[in-house]
Amino acid sequence: MQNVVVIGLGKIGLMHASIINVIPEAKLACLVDSNAALVGRAKTLIGDDVPFYPSLDDALGHQRLDAAVICAPHFAHASVATQCLNRGLHVLSEKPMANSLDAATRMRDAARQTGRVNAVGFMKLYYPHYQRAQAILNEGAIGRPVSFQATLKLSQVLRPPKGWMYEPPLSGGGVVMTCGCHALALLFRWFGLPRRVTAQGRSHFSARVEDEAHVEMEFASGLRGVFDANWSAPGYPFEQTRIDVEGAEGHMTAHDAGFEIRPRAHEAKFMHRSMFDRAAYDFSPDYGGEGYYNENANFIAACEGRVAPLVTFDDGWAIQRLIDAIYRSIEEGPVTIDG
């Protein structure tokens, strides 16, 4: 049984707390947030019997804790994660791993030094249908991948926004960092890191971060791809990811509802995500509920010693390298990713 603290009680923190509360091998031991005004909202959703503390030190002074789920803002991930790791806790950090590559490097190094279980919450990597799509690609169903077109669309910023999420020193960036990282995580898992990226960013409503980005990627294998991200796209109340892969022997389309394989020599076949996912609990049926449950269950199982976590800090650090290269390319032109 893992005694878990959830740190950060925004909407994502409340979702994680609710999910931890129903995983048999986990106990939601306490909640932590520096904003005491959030206590009432948390207790309404979770109940009065889960203690609340204003800091991790306060929590550790009153509770025996094994693991932490970090749902604080991007800029706090590195400091909170390293504190948790150094206090002997296993850590699941929400995406993106951090607000900069330097901060992600500190997290990765702390995890390596302490040997604690570490995971990053790129929840779309926990969708079984995306995992199955990757396996089918690896099996050669459409031959060698030649090119891809990936898109991320969301109606989040349709007027001038306010808050830390739209301040680069705090968030690390705009749509690429906050939302596009999900699609970038999938592309990294499927194809690895590109050797070269060329990116452009555009702001429609935000004053200091990009609302739209266009990224061209070149891989050592000869694969080429394009990624377009836009959180100012009307008509997308929930984030929508789509990846079209052209192979030497067919085509595959994968999105949040399922995937379709169209080998040249065989009939096309569509598979809905419900055919693969057996998550025991779906807190948010409209967006990502199965992924969030699978993510937390995988983390708890790793803490219990039964499996390795699906997405480690090493993986998160590699994805952060790609994000960093994209932002450098927006400012400088084409960027080469070494190694």
C-alpha atoms as a PDB file:
ATOM      1  CA  MET A   1       0.000   0.000   0.000  1.00  0.00           C
ATOM      2  CA  GLN A   2       1.402   3.370  -1.042  1.00  0.00           C
ATOM      3  CA  ASN A   3       0.617   6.448   1.053  1.00  0.00           C
ATOM      4  CA  VAL A   4       0.342   9.216  -1.520  1.00  0.00           C
ATOM      5  CA  VAL A   5       0.359  12.999  -1.258  1.00  0.00           C
ATOM      6  CA  VAL A   6      -1.036  15.107  -4.104  1.00  0.00           C
ATOM      7  CA  ILE A   7       0.731  18.464  -4.347  1.00  0.00           C
ATOM      8  CA  GLY A   8      -1.168  21.228  -6.145  1.00  0.00           C
ATOM      9  CA  LEU A   9      -4.955  21.440  -6.065  1.00  0.00           C
ATOM     10  CA  GLY A  10      -5.883  22.935  -9.381  1.00  0.00           C
ATOM     11  CA  LYS A  11      -8.263  20.969 -11.584  1.00  0.00           C
ATOM     12  CA  ILE A  12      -5.567  18.444 -12.550  1.00  0.00           C
ATOM     13  CA  GLY A  13      -4.585  17.958  -8.916  1.00  0.00           C
ATOM     14  CA  LEU A  14      -8.184  17.320  -7.923  1.00  0.00           C
ATOM     15  CA  MET A  15      -8.495  14.793 -10.742  1.00  0.00           C
ATOM     16  CA  HIS A  16      -5.367  12.927  -9.639  1.00  0.00           C
ATOM     17  CA  ALA A  17      -6.516  12.978  -6.008  1.00  0.00           C
ATOM     18  CA  SER A  18      -9.880  11.497  -6.976  1.00  0.00           C
ATOM     19  CA  ILE A  19      -8.202   8.745  -8.988  1.00  0.00           C
ATOM     20  CA  ILE A  20      -5.620   7.898  -6.313  1.00  0.00           C
ATOM     21  CA  ASN A  21      -8.548   7.585  -3.923  1.00  0.00           C
ATOM     22  CA  VAL A  22      -9.952   4.593  -5.858  1.00  0.00           C
ATOM     23  CA  ILE A  23      -6.763   2.638  -6.654  1.00  0.00           C
ATOM     24  CA  PRO A  24      -6.735  -0.363  -4.260  1.00  0.00           C
ATOM     25  CA  GLU A  25      -2.967  -0.324  -3.711  1.00  0.00           C
ATOM     26  CA  ALA A  26      -2.909   3.399  -2.882  1.00  0.00           C
ATOM     27  CA  LYS A  27      -4.137   5.559  -0.046  1.00  0.00           C
ATOM     28  CA  LEU A  28      -4.666   9.295  -0.535  1.00  0.00           C
ATOM     29  CA  ALA A  29      -2.833  10.253   2.651  1.00  0.00           C
ATOM     30  CA  CYS A  30      -3.027  14.032   2.322  1.00  0.00           C
ATOM     31  CA  LEU A  31      -3.206  17.069   0.063  1.00  0.00           C
ATOM     32  CA  VAL A  32      -0.723  19.950  -0.166  1.00  0.00           C
ATOM     33  CA  ASP A  33      -1.180  23.447  -1.564  1.00  0.00           C
ATOM     34  CA  SER A  34       0.050  26.832  -0.401  1.00  0.00           C
ATOM     35  CA  ASN A  35      -3.373  28.334  -1.203  1.00  0.00           C
ATOM     36  CA  ALA A  36      -5.634  27.516   1.753  1.00  0.00           C
ATOM     37  CA  ALA A  37      -8.638  28.850  -0.190  1.00  0.00           C
ATOM     38  CA  LEU A  38      -8.608  25.632  -2.223  1.00  0.00           C
ATOM     39  CA  VAL A  39      -9.329  23.444   0.785  1.00  0.00           C
ATOM     40  CA  GLY A  40     -13.089  23.826   0.577  1.00  0.00           C
ATOM     41  CA  ARG A  41     -13.240  22.873  -3.088  1.00  0.00           C
ATOM     42  CA  ALA A  42     -11.004  19.860  -2.469  1.00  0.00           C
ATOM     43  CA  LYS A  43     -13.053  18.617   0.466  1.00  0.00           C
ATOM     44  CA  THR A  44     -16.290  19.005  -1.509  1.00  0.00           C
ATOM     45  CA  LEU A  45     -14.945  16.632  -4.123  1.00  0.00           C
ATOM     46  CA  ILE A  46     -12.831  14.261  -2.046  1.00  0.00           C
ATOM     47  CA  GLY A  47     -14.332  14.399   1.448  1.00  0.00           C
ATOM     48  CA  ASP A  48     -13.433  15.753   4.871  1.00  0.00           C
ATOM     49  CA  ASP A  49     -11.266  12.860   6.015  1.00  0.00           C
ATOM     50  CA  VAL A  50      -8.183  13.666   3.872  1.00  0.00           C
ATOM     51  CA  PRO A  51      -5.830  16.068   5.712  1.00  0.00           C
ATOM     52  CA  PHE A  52      -4.674  19.276   4.053  1.00  0.00           C
ATOM     53  CA  TYR A  53      -1.286  20.910   4.621  1.00  0.00           C
ATOM     54  CA  PRO A  54       0.222  24.172   3.310  1.00  0.00           C
ATOM     55  CA  SER A  55       3.642  22.617   2.561  1.00  0.00           C
ATOM     56  CA  LEU A  56       5.360  19.287   2.029  1.00  0.00           C
ATOM     57  CA  ASP A  57       7.378  19.784   5.211  1.00  0.00           C
ATOM     58  CA  ASP A  58       4.144  20.147   7.184  1.00  0.00           C
ATOM     59  CA  ALA A  59       2.748  17.017   5.544  1.00  0.00           C
ATOM     60  CA  LEU A  60       5.877  14.981   6.285  1.00  0.00           C
ATOM     61  CA  GLY A  61       5.767  16.170   9.869  1.00  0.00           C
ATOM     62  CA  HIS A  62       2.349  14.572  10.356  1.00  0.00           C
ATOM     63  CA  GLN A  63       2.101  11.735   7.803  1.00  0.00           C
ATOM     64  CA  ARG A  64       4.111   8.708   6.710  1.00  0.00           C
ATOM     65  CA  LEU A  65       4.363   9.177   2.956  1.00  0.00           C
ATOM     66  CA  ASP A  66       5.677   6.901   0.233  1.00  0.00           C
ATOM     67  CA  ALA A  67       4.911   8.747  -2.987  1.00  0.00           C
ATOM     68  CA  ALA A  68       3.968  12.160  -4.364  1.00  0.00           C
ATOM     69  CA  VAL A  69       1.939  13.236  -7.374  1.00  0.00           C
ATOM     70  CA  ILE A  70       3.023  16.744  -8.398  1.00  0.00           C
ATOM     71  CA  CYS A  71       0.351  18.897  -9.995  1.00  0.00           C
ATOM     72  CA  ALA A  72       1.882  22.290  -9.230  1.00  0.00           C
ATOM     73  CA  PRO A  73       2.471  24.889 -11.991  1.00  0.00           C
ATOM     74  CA  HIS A  74       5.273  24.193 -14.461  1.00  0.00           C
ATOM     75  CA  PHE A  75       7.751  26.493 -12.756  1.00  0.00           C
ATOM     76  CA  ALA A  76       7.452  24.586  -9.465  1.00  0.00           C
ATOM     77  CA  HIS A  77       7.958  21.061 -10.825  1.00  0.00           C
ATOM     78  CA  ALA A  78      11.749  20.967 -10.445  1.00  0.00           C
ATOM     79  CA  SER A  79      11.934  22.346  -6.902  1.00  0.00           C
ATOM     80  CA  VAL A  80       9.028  20.247  -5.607  1.00  0.00           C
ATOM     81  CA  ALA A  81      10.183  17.056  -7.348  1.00  0.00           C
ATOM     82  CA  THR A  82      13.751  17.323  -6.086  1.00  0.00           C
ATOM     83  CA  GLN A  83      12.490  18.027  -2.554  1.00  0.00           C
ATOM     84  CA  CYS A  84      10.251  14.957  -2.690  1.00  0.00           C
ATOM     85  CA  LEU A  85      12.994  12.729  -4.104  1.00  0.00           C
ATOM     86  CA  ASN A  86      15.505  13.914  -1.519  1.00  0.00           C
ATOM     87  CA  ARG A  87      12.978  13.142   1.234  1.00  0.00           C
ATOM     88  CA  GLY A  88      12.731   9.558  -0.052  1.00  0.00           C
ATOM     89  CA  LEU A  89       9.443   9.777  -1.951  1.00  0.00           C
ATOM     90  CA  HIS A  90       8.633   8.232  -5.307  1.00  0.00           C
ATOM     91  CA  VAL A  91       7.451  10.948  -7.720  1.00  0.00           C
ATOM     92  CA  LEU A  92       4.941  11.285 -10.535  1.00  0.00           C
ATOM     93  CA  SER A  93       5.190  14.765 -12.045  1.00  0.00           C
ATOM     94  CA  GLU A  94       2.505  16.113 -14.327  1.00  0.00           C
ATOM     95  CA  LYS A  95       3.475  17.224 -17.811  1.00  0.00           C
ATOM     96  CA  PRO A  96       5.430  19.064 -19.046  1.00  0.00           C
ATOM     97  CA  MET A  97       8.327  17.744 -17.005  1.00  0.00           C
ATOM     98  CA  ALA A  98       9.484  21.304 -16.254  1.00  0.00           C
ATOM     99  CA  ASN A  99       9.435  24.834 -17.647  1.00  0.00           C
ATOM    100  CA  SER A 100      12.977  24.557 -19.039  1.00  0.00           C
ATOM    101  CA  LEU A 101      15.563  21.994 -20.053  1.00  0.00           C
ATOM    102  CA  ASP A 102      17.827  23.057 -17.182  1.00  0.00           C
ATOM    103  CA  ALA A 103      15.030  22.435 -14.667  1.00  0.00           C
ATOM    104  CA  ALA A 104      14.224  19.058 -16.250  1.00  0.00           C
ATOM    105  CA  THR A 105      17.906  18.136 -16.024  1.00  0.00           C
ATOM    106  CA  ARG A 106      17.907  18.849 -12.282  1.00  0.00           C
ATOM    107  CA  MET A 107      14.884  16.582 -11.883  1.00  0.00           C
ATOM    108  CA  ARG A 108      16.438  13.774 -13.919  1.00  0.00           C
ATOM    109  CA  ASP A 109      19.712  13.984 -12.013  1.00  0.00           C
ATOM    110  CA  ALA A 110      17.944  13.958  -8.624  1.00  0.00           C
ATOM    111  CA  ALA A 111      15.968  10.874  -9.661  1.00  0.00           C
ATOM    112  CA  ARG A 112      19.135   9.066 -10.731  1.00  0.00           C
ATOM    113  CA  GLN A 113      20.917   9.974  -7.505  1.00  0.00           C
ATOM    114  CA  THR A 114      18.108   8.917  -5.176  1.00  0.00           C
ATOM    115  CA  GLY A 115      16.970   5.810  -7.035  1.00  0.00           C
ATOM    116  CA  ARG A 116      13.325   6.555  -6.337  1.00  0.00           C
ATOM    117  CA  VAL A 117      10.579   5.598  -8.810  1.00  0.00           C
ATOM    118  CA  ASN A 118      10.003   8.537 -11.158  1.00  0.00           C
ATOM    119  CA  ALA A 119       7.361   9.097 -13.816  1.00  0.00           C
ATOM    120  CA  VAL A 120       5.999  11.901 -15.996  1.00  0.00           C
ATOM    121  CA  GLY A 121       2.295  12.320 -16.705  1.00  0.00           C
ATOM    122  CA  PHE A 122       2.078  12.409 -20.487  1.00  0.00           C
ATOM    123  CA  MET A 123      -1.305  10.769 -20.192  1.00  0.00           C
ATOM    124  CA  LYS A 124      -1.820  10.116 -23.915  1.00  0.00           C
ATOM    125  CA  LEU A 125       1.107   7.699 -23.781  1.00  0.00           C
ATOM    126  CA  TYR A 126      -1.082   5.692 -21.377  1.00  0.00           C
ATOM    127  CA  TYR A 127      -3.893   5.266 -23.933  1.00  0.00           C
ATOM    128  CA  PRO A 128      -3.714   1.584 -24.942  1.00  0.00           C
ATOM    129  CA  HIS A 129      -4.904   2.347 -28.472  1.00  0.00           C
ATOM    130  CA  TYR A 130      -1.909   4.638 -29.062  1.00  0.00           C
ATOM    131  CA  GLN A 131       0.326   1.885 -27.679  1.00  0.00           C
ATOM    132  CA  ARG A 132      -1.266  -0.624 -30.040  1.00  0.00           C
ATOM    133  CA  ALA A 133      -0.861   1.769 -32.977  1.00  0.00           C
ATOM    134  CA  GLN A 134       2.845   2.019 -32.177  1.00  0.00           C
ATOM    135  CA  ALA A 135       3.152  -1.765 -32.012  1.00  0.00           C
ATOM    136  CA  ILE A 136       1.480  -2.110 -35.410  1.00  0.00           C
ATOM    137  CA  LEU A 137       3.887   0.468 -36.847  1.00  0.00           C
ATOM    138  CA  ASN A 138       6.828  -1.451 -35.379  1.00  0.00           C
ATOM    139  CA  GLU A 139       5.475  -4.679 -36.858  1.00  0.00           C
ATOM    140  CA  GLY A 140       5.730  -3.111 -40.327  1.00  0.00           C
ATOM    141  CA  ALA A 141       2.041  -3.058 -41.214  1.00  0.00           C
ATOM    142  CA  ILE A 142       2.548   0.001 -43.450  1.00  0.00           C
ATOM    143  CA  GLY A 143       6.226  -0.564 -44.176  1.00  0.00           C
ATOM    144  CA  ARG A 144       8.979   1.885 -43.316  1.00  0.00           C
ATOM    145  CA  PRO A 145       7.553   5.240 -42.144  1.00  0.00           C
ATOM    146  CA  VAL A 146       8.368   7.895 -44.731  1.00  0.00           C
ATOM    147  CA  SER A 147       6.574  10.996 -43.430  1.00  0.00           C
ATOM    148  CA  PHE A 148       4.019  12.156 -40.882  1.00  0.00           C
ATOM    149  CA  GLN A 149       1.650  15.042 -40.278  1.00  0.00           C
ATOM    150  CA  ALA A 150       0.704  15.664 -36.634  1.00  0.00           C
ATOM    151  CA  THR A 151      -1.751  18.244 -35.324  1.00  0.00           C
ATOM    152  CA  LEU A 152      -2.903  19.524 -31.951  1.00  0.00           C
ATOM    153  CA  LYS A 153      -6.022  21.712 -31.805  1.00  0.00           C
ATOM    154  CA  LEU A 154      -7.758  23.298 -28.832  1.00  0.00           C
ATOM    155  CA  SER A 155     -10.065  26.282 -28.197  1.00  0.00           C
ATOM    156  CA  GLN A 156      -8.287  27.515 -25.060  1.00  0.00           C
ATOM    157  CA  VAL A 157      -7.046  30.999 -25.978  1.00  0.00           C
ATOM    158  CA  LEU A 158      -9.711  32.958 -27.863  1.00  0.00           C
ATOM    159  CA  ARG A 159      -9.142  36.316 -26.140  1.00  0.00           C
ATOM    160  CA  PRO A 160      -6.156  37.961 -24.426  1.00  0.00           C
ATOM    161  CA  PRO A 161      -5.314  35.572 -21.553  1.00  0.00           C
ATOM    162  CA  LYS A 162      -4.028  36.241 -18.045  1.00  0.00           C
ATOM    163  CA  GLY A 163      -2.101  34.127 -15.546  1.00  0.00           C
ATOM    164  CA  TRP A 164       1.208  32.345 -15.037  1.00  0.00           C
ATOM    165  CA  MET A 165       0.558  29.975 -17.942  1.00  0.00           C
ATOM    166  CA  TYR A 166       1.046  32.851 -20.393  1.00  0.00           C
ATOM    167  CA  GLU A 167       4.278  34.183 -18.854  1.00  0.00           C
ATOM    168  CA  PRO A 168       7.375  32.497 -20.396  1.00  0.00           C
ATOM    169  CA  PRO A 169       9.576  32.608 -17.257  1.00  0.00           C
ATOM    170  CA  LEU A 170       6.880  30.673 -15.386  1.00  0.00           C
ATOM    171  CA  SER A 171       5.292  28.365 -17.954  1.00  0.00           C
ATOM    172  CA  GLY A 172       8.265  28.009 -20.281  1.00  0.00           C
ATOM    173  CA  GLY A 173       6.167  28.763 -23.360  1.00  0.00           C
ATOM    174  CA  GLY A 174       2.727  28.607 -24.908  1.00  0.00           C
ATOM    175  CA  VAL A 175       0.881  25.957 -26.877  1.00  0.00           C
ATOM    176  CA  VAL A 176       3.973  23.836 -27.593  1.00  0.00           C
ATOM    177  CA  MET A 177       4.934  23.579 -23.926  1.00  0.00           C
ATOM    178  CA  THR A 178       1.510  23.296 -22.327  1.00  0.00           C
ATOM    179  CA  CYS A 179      -0.564  21.267 -24.806  1.00  0.00           C
ATOM    180  CA  GLY A 180       1.635  20.271 -27.728  1.00  0.00           C
ATOM    181  CA  CYS A 181       3.891  18.303 -25.391  1.00  0.00           C
ATOM    182  CA  HIS A 182       1.312  15.460 -25.458  1.00  0.00           C
ATOM    183  CA  ALA A 183       1.642  15.036 -29.222  1.00  0.00           C
ATOM    184  CA  LEU A 184       5.410  15.515 -29.048  1.00  0.00           C
ATOM    185  CA  ALA A 185       5.580  12.757 -26.432  1.00  0.00           C
ATOM    186  CA  LEU A 186       3.754  10.405 -28.810  1.00  0.00           C
ATOM    187  CA  LEU A 187       6.050  11.330 -31.701  1.00  0.00           C
ATOM    188  CA  PHE A 188       9.108  10.757 -29.500  1.00  0.00           C
ATOM    189  CA  ARG A 189       7.797   7.373 -28.335  1.00  0.00           C
ATOM    190  CA  TRP A 190       7.066   6.291 -31.907  1.00  0.00           C
ATOM    191  CA  PHE A 191      10.030   7.731 -33.797  1.00  0.00           C
ATOM    192  CA  GLY A 192      12.657   8.950 -31.305  1.00  0.00           C
ATOM    193  CA  LEU A 193      14.239  12.392 -31.384  1.00  0.00           C
ATOM    194  CA  PRO A 194      14.656  14.178 -34.708  1.00  0.00           C
ATOM    195  CA  ARG A 195      18.142  15.324 -35.636  1.00  0.00           C
ATOM    196  CA  ARG A 196      16.930  18.714 -36.883  1.00  0.00           C
ATOM    197  CA  VAL A 197      13.912  20.959 -36.240  1.00  0.00           C
ATOM    198  CA  THR A 198      12.755  24.121 -37.982  1.00  0.00           C
ATOM    199  CA  ALA A 199       9.946  25.964 -36.207  1.00  0.00           C
ATOM    200  CA  GLN A 200       7.848  29.097 -36.403  1.00  0.00           C
ATOM    201  CA  GLY A 201       5.521  30.503 -33.772  1.00  0.00           C
ATOM    202  CA  ARG A 202       2.668  32.970 -33.970  1.00  0.00           C
ATOM    203  CA  SER A 203       0.609  34.795 -31.359  1.00  0.00           C
ATOM    204  CA  HIS A 204      -3.030  35.665 -31.979  1.00  0.00           C
ATOM    205  CA  PHE A 205      -4.196  36.724 -28.521  1.00  0.00           C
ATOM    206  CA  SER A 206      -1.292  36.107 -26.143  1.00  0.00           C
ATOM    207  CA  ALA A 207       1.193  38.895 -25.577  1.00  0.00           C
ATOM    208  CA  ARG A 208       4.244  36.823 -24.626  1.00  0.00           C
ATOM    209  CA  VAL A 209       3.765  33.199 -25.700  1.00  0.00           C
ATOM    210  CA  GLU A 210       2.930  31.473 -28.966  1.00  0.00           C
ATOM    211  CA  ASP A 211      -0.698  30.529 -29.664  1.00  0.00           C
ATOM    212  CA  GLU A 212       0.199  28.602 -32.819  1.00  0.00           C
ATOM    213  CA  ALA A 213       3.330  26.753 -33.944  1.00  0.00           C
ATOM    214  CA  HIS A 214       4.536  25.015 -37.081  1.00  0.00           C
ATOM    215  CA  VAL A 215       7.408  22.548 -36.660  1.00  0.00           C
ATOM    216  CA  GLU A 216       9.265  20.633 -39.361  1.00  0.00           C
ATOM    217  CA  MET A 217      11.343  17.629 -38.236  1.00  0.00           C
ATOM    218  CA  GLU A 218      14.059  15.620 -39.953  1.00  0.00           C
ATOM    219  CA  PHE A 219      15.208  12.245 -38.599  1.00  0.00           C
ATOM    220  CA  ALA A 220      18.448  10.328 -39.119  1.00  0.00           C
ATOM    221  CA  SER A 221      16.423   7.496 -40.707  1.00  0.00           C
ATOM    222  CA  GLY A 222      15.247   9.800 -43.502  1.00  0.00           C
ATOM    223  CA  LEU A 223      11.794  10.198 -41.954  1.00  0.00           C
ATOM    224  CA  ARG A 224      10.363  13.703 -42.235  1.00  0.00           C
ATOM    225  CA  GLY A 225       7.429  15.119 -40.330  1.00  0.00           C
ATOM    226  CA  VAL A 226       5.397  18.230 -39.636  1.00  0.00           C
ATOM    227  CA  PHE A 227       3.729  19.165 -36.362  1.00  0.00           C
ATOM    228  CA  ASP A 228       1.154  21.959 -36.141  1.00  0.00           C
ATOM    229  CA  ALA A 229      -0.193  23.103 -32.764  1.00  0.00           C
ATOM    230  CA  ASN A 230      -2.916  25.698 -32.180  1.00  0.00           C
ATOM    231  CA  TRP A 231      -4.776  26.432 -28.941  1.00  0.00           C
ATOM    232  CA  SER A 232      -6.705  29.302 -30.559  1.00  0.00           C
ATOM    233  CA  ALA A 233      -8.600  27.076 -32.999  1.00  0.00           C
ATOM    234  CA  PRO A 234     -12.397  27.564 -32.750  1.00  0.00           C
ATOM    235  CA  GLY A 235     -14.564  24.483 -32.339  1.00  0.00           C
ATOM    236  CA  TYR A 236     -12.293  22.343 -30.158  1.00  0.00           C
ATOM    237  CA  PRO A 237     -13.542  22.482 -26.546  1.00  0.00           C
ATOM    238  CA  PHE A 238     -11.357  19.454 -25.781  1.00  0.00           C
ATOM    239  CA  GLU A 239      -7.778  19.003 -26.925  1.00  0.00           C
ATOM    240  CA  GLN A 240      -7.604  16.932 -30.111  1.00  0.00           C
ATOM    241  CA  THR A 241      -4.471  15.153 -31.322  1.00  0.00           C
ATOM    242  CA  ARG A 242      -4.107  13.509 -34.736  1.00  0.00           C
ATOM    243  CA  ILE A 243      -1.116  11.815 -36.363  1.00  0.00           C
ATOM    244  CA  ASP A 244      -1.094  10.691 -40.010  1.00  0.00           C
ATOM    245  CA  VAL A 245       1.813   8.440 -40.952  1.00  0.00           C
ATOM    246  CA  GLU A 246       2.674   7.640 -44.566  1.00  0.00           C
ATOM    247  CA  GLY A 247       4.622   4.410 -44.935  1.00  0.00           C
ATOM    248  CA  ALA A 248       6.302   2.727 -47.861  1.00  0.00           C
ATOM    249  CA  GLU A 249       3.436   0.197 -47.931  1.00  0.00           C
ATOM    250  CA  GLY A 250       0.406   2.040 -46.592  1.00  0.00           C
ATOM    251  CA  HIS A 251      -0.993   4.713 -44.313  1.00  0.00           C
ATOM    252  CA  MET A 252      -2.032   5.014 -40.676  1.00  0.00           C
ATOM    253  CA  THR A 253      -4.197   7.654 -39.011  1.00  0.00           C
ATOM    254  CA  ALA A 254      -4.240   7.800 -35.205  1.00  0.00           C
ATOM    255  CA  HIS A 255      -6.218  10.213 -33.029  1.00  0.00           C
ATOM    256  CA  ASP A 256      -7.710  10.392 -29.564  1.00  0.00           C
ATOM    257  CA  ALA A 257     -10.721   8.244 -30.519  1.00  0.00           C
ATOM    258  CA  GLY A 258      -8.842   5.402 -32.204  1.00  0.00           C
ATOM    259  CA  PHE A 259      -6.731   4.594 -35.254  1.00  0.00           C
ATOM    260  CA  GLU A 260      -7.083   3.340 -38.820  1.00  0.00           C
ATOM    261  CA  ILE A 261      -4.577   1.198 -40.726  1.00  0.00           C
ATOM    262  CA  ARG A 262      -4.704   1.223 -44.526  1.00  0.00           C
ATOM    263  CA  PRO A 263      -2.074  -1.192 -45.889  1.00  0.00           C
ATOM    264  CA  ARG A 264      -1.878  -1.038 -49.676  1.00  0.00           C
ATOM    265  CA  ALA A 265      -2.398  -4.782 -50.058  1.00  0.00           C
ATOM    266  CA  HIS A 266      -5.236  -5.146 -47.517  1.00  0.00           C
ATOM    267  CA  GLU A 267      -8.559  -3.657 -46.541  1.00  0.00           C
ATOM    268  CA  ALA A 268      -8.522  -0.629 -44.238  1.00  0.00           C
ATOM    269  CA  LYS A 269      -9.359  -1.335 -40.601  1.00  0.00           C
ATOM    270  CA  PHE A 270     -10.491   1.160 -37.946  1.00  0.00           C
ATOM    271  CA  MET A 271     -10.120   0.380 -34.252  1.00  0.00           C
ATOM    272  CA  HIS A 272     -11.822   2.516 -31.585  1.00  0.00           C
ATOM    273  CA  ARG A 273      -9.982   3.194 -28.327  1.00  0.00           C
ATOM    274  CA  SER A 274     -12.765   1.462 -26.378  1.00  0.00           C
ATOM    275  CA  MET A 275     -11.606  -1.830 -27.918  1.00  0.00           C
ATOM    276  CA  PHE A 276      -8.348  -1.596 -25.962  1.00  0.00           C
ATOM    277  CA  ASP A 277      -8.890   0.358 -22.761  1.00  0.00           C
ATOM    278  CA  ARG A 278     -10.124  -1.402 -19.641  1.00  0.00           C
ATOM    279  CA  ALA A 279      -9.466   1.363 -17.115  1.00  0.00           C
ATOM    280  CA  ALA A 280     -11.351   0.676 -13.907  1.00  0.00           C
ATOM    281  CA  TYR A 281     -12.284   4.304 -13.340  1.00  0.00           C
ATOM    282  CA  ASP A 282     -12.921   7.232 -15.712  1.00  0.00           C
ATOM    283  CA  PHE A 283     -13.102  10.530 -13.845  1.00  0.00           C
ATOM    284  CA  SER A 284     -13.391  12.638 -17.021  1.00  0.00           C
ATOM    285  CA  PRO A 285     -15.214  10.809 -19.829  1.00  0.00           C
ATOM    286  CA  ASP A 286     -15.024  13.840 -22.132  1.00  0.00           C
ATOM    287  CA  TYR A 287     -11.254  14.109 -21.953  1.00  0.00           C
ATOM    288  CA  GLY A 288      -8.562  11.695 -20.992  1.00  0.00           C
ATOM    289  CA  GLY A 289     -10.156   9.831 -18.119  1.00  0.00           C
ATOM    290  CA  GLU A 290      -8.777   6.422 -19.044  1.00  0.00           C
ATOM    291  CA  GLY A 291      -5.332   7.871 -19.646  1.00  0.00           C
ATOM    292  CA  TYR A 292      -5.205   9.545 -16.251  1.00  0.00           C
ATOM    293  CA  TYR A 293      -6.337   6.390 -14.460  1.00  0.00           C
ATOM    294  CA  ASN A 294      -3.847   4.219 -16.350  1.00  0.00           C
ATOM    295  CA  GLU A 295      -1.093   6.745 -15.602  1.00  0.00           C
ATOM    296  CA  ASN A 296      -1.741   6.700 -11.868  1.00  0.00           C
ATOM    297  CA  ALA A 297      -2.243   2.935 -11.721  1.00  0.00           C
ATOM    298  CA  ASN A 298       1.023   2.383 -13.596  1.00  0.00           C
ATOM    299  CA  PHE A 299       2.862   4.691 -11.180  1.00  0.00           C
ATOM    300  CA  ILE A 300       1.444   2.981  -8.097  1.00  0.00           C
ATOM    301  CA  ALA A 301       2.302  -0.457  -9.522  1.00  0.00           C
ATOM    302  CA  ALA A 302       5.869   0.745 -10.151  1.00  0.00           C
ATOM    303  CA  CYS A 303       6.095   1.984  -6.570  1.00  0.00           C
ATOM    304  CA  GLU A 304       4.865  -1.412  -5.387  1.00  0.00           C
ATOM    305  CA  GLY A 305       7.671  -3.005  -7.389  1.00  0.00           C
ATOM    306  CA  ARG A 306       5.647  -4.902  -9.939  1.00  0.00           C
ATOM    307  CA  VAL A 307       6.473  -3.012 -13.153  1.00  0.00           C
ATOM    308  CA  ALA A 308       8.758  -0.263 -14.398  1.00  0.00           C
ATOM    309  CA  PRO A 309       7.002   3.079 -14.974  1.00  0.00           C
ATOM    310  CA  LEU A 310       5.935   3.624 -18.568  1.00  0.00           C
ATOM    311  CA  VAL A 311       7.318   7.170 -18.819  1.00  0.00           C
ATOM    312  CA  THR A 312      10.363   7.942 -16.671  1.00  0.00           C
ATOM    313  CA  PHE A 313      12.194  11.193 -15.948  1.00  0.00           C
ATOM    314  CA  ASP A 314      14.758  10.092 -18.553  1.00  0.00           C
ATOM    315  CA  ASP A 315      11.947   9.963 -21.119  1.00  0.00           C
ATOM    316  CA  GLY A 316      10.560  13.292 -19.939  1.00  0.00           C
ATOM    317  CA  TRP A 317      14.013  14.844 -20.206  1.00  0.00           C
ATOM    318  CA  ALA A 318      14.349  13.663 -23.829  1.00  0.00           C
ATOM    319  CA  ILE A 319      10.944  15.147 -24.676  1.00  0.00           C
ATOM    320  CA  GLN A 320      12.042  18.374 -22.955  1.00  0.00           C
ATOM    321  CA  ARG A 321      15.078  18.430 -25.258  1.00  0.00           C
ATOM    322  CA  LEU A 322      12.734  18.396 -28.238  1.00  0.00           C
ATOM    323  CA  ILE A 323      10.596  21.177 -26.767  1.00  0.00           C
ATOM    324  CA  ASP A 324      13.731  23.211 -26.029  1.00  0.00           C
ATOM    325  CA  ALA A 325      14.954  22.754 -29.612  1.00  0.00           C
ATOM    326  CA  ILE A 326      11.597  23.941 -30.963  1.00  0.00           C
ATOM    327  CA  TYR A 327      11.701  27.132 -28.908  1.00  0.00           C
ATOM    328  CA  ARG A 328      15.312  27.796 -29.876  1.00  0.00           C
ATOM    329  CA  SER A 329      14.383  27.275 -33.521  1.00  0.00           C
ATOM    330  CA  ILE A 330      11.511  29.781 -33.262  1.00  0.00           C
ATOM    331  CA  GLU A 331      14.097  32.358 -32.149  1.00  0.00           C
ATOM    332  CA  GLU A 332      17.187  31.278 -34.113  1.00  0.00           C
ATOM    333  CA  GLY A 333      16.166  29.226 -37.152  1.00  0.00           C
ATOM    334  CA  PRO A 334      16.933  25.525 -37.770  1.00  0.00           C
ATOM    335  CA  VAL A 335      18.349  23.687 -34.729  1.00  0.00           C
ATOM    336  CA  THR A 336      20.277  20.400 -34.665  1.00  0.00           C
ATOM    337  CA  ILE A 337      19.674  18.019 -31.752  1.00  0.00           C
ATOM    338  CA  ASP A 338      22.927  16.260 -30.935  1.00  0.00           C
ATOM    339  CA  GLY A 339      23.020  12.576 -30.050  1.00  0.00           C
END
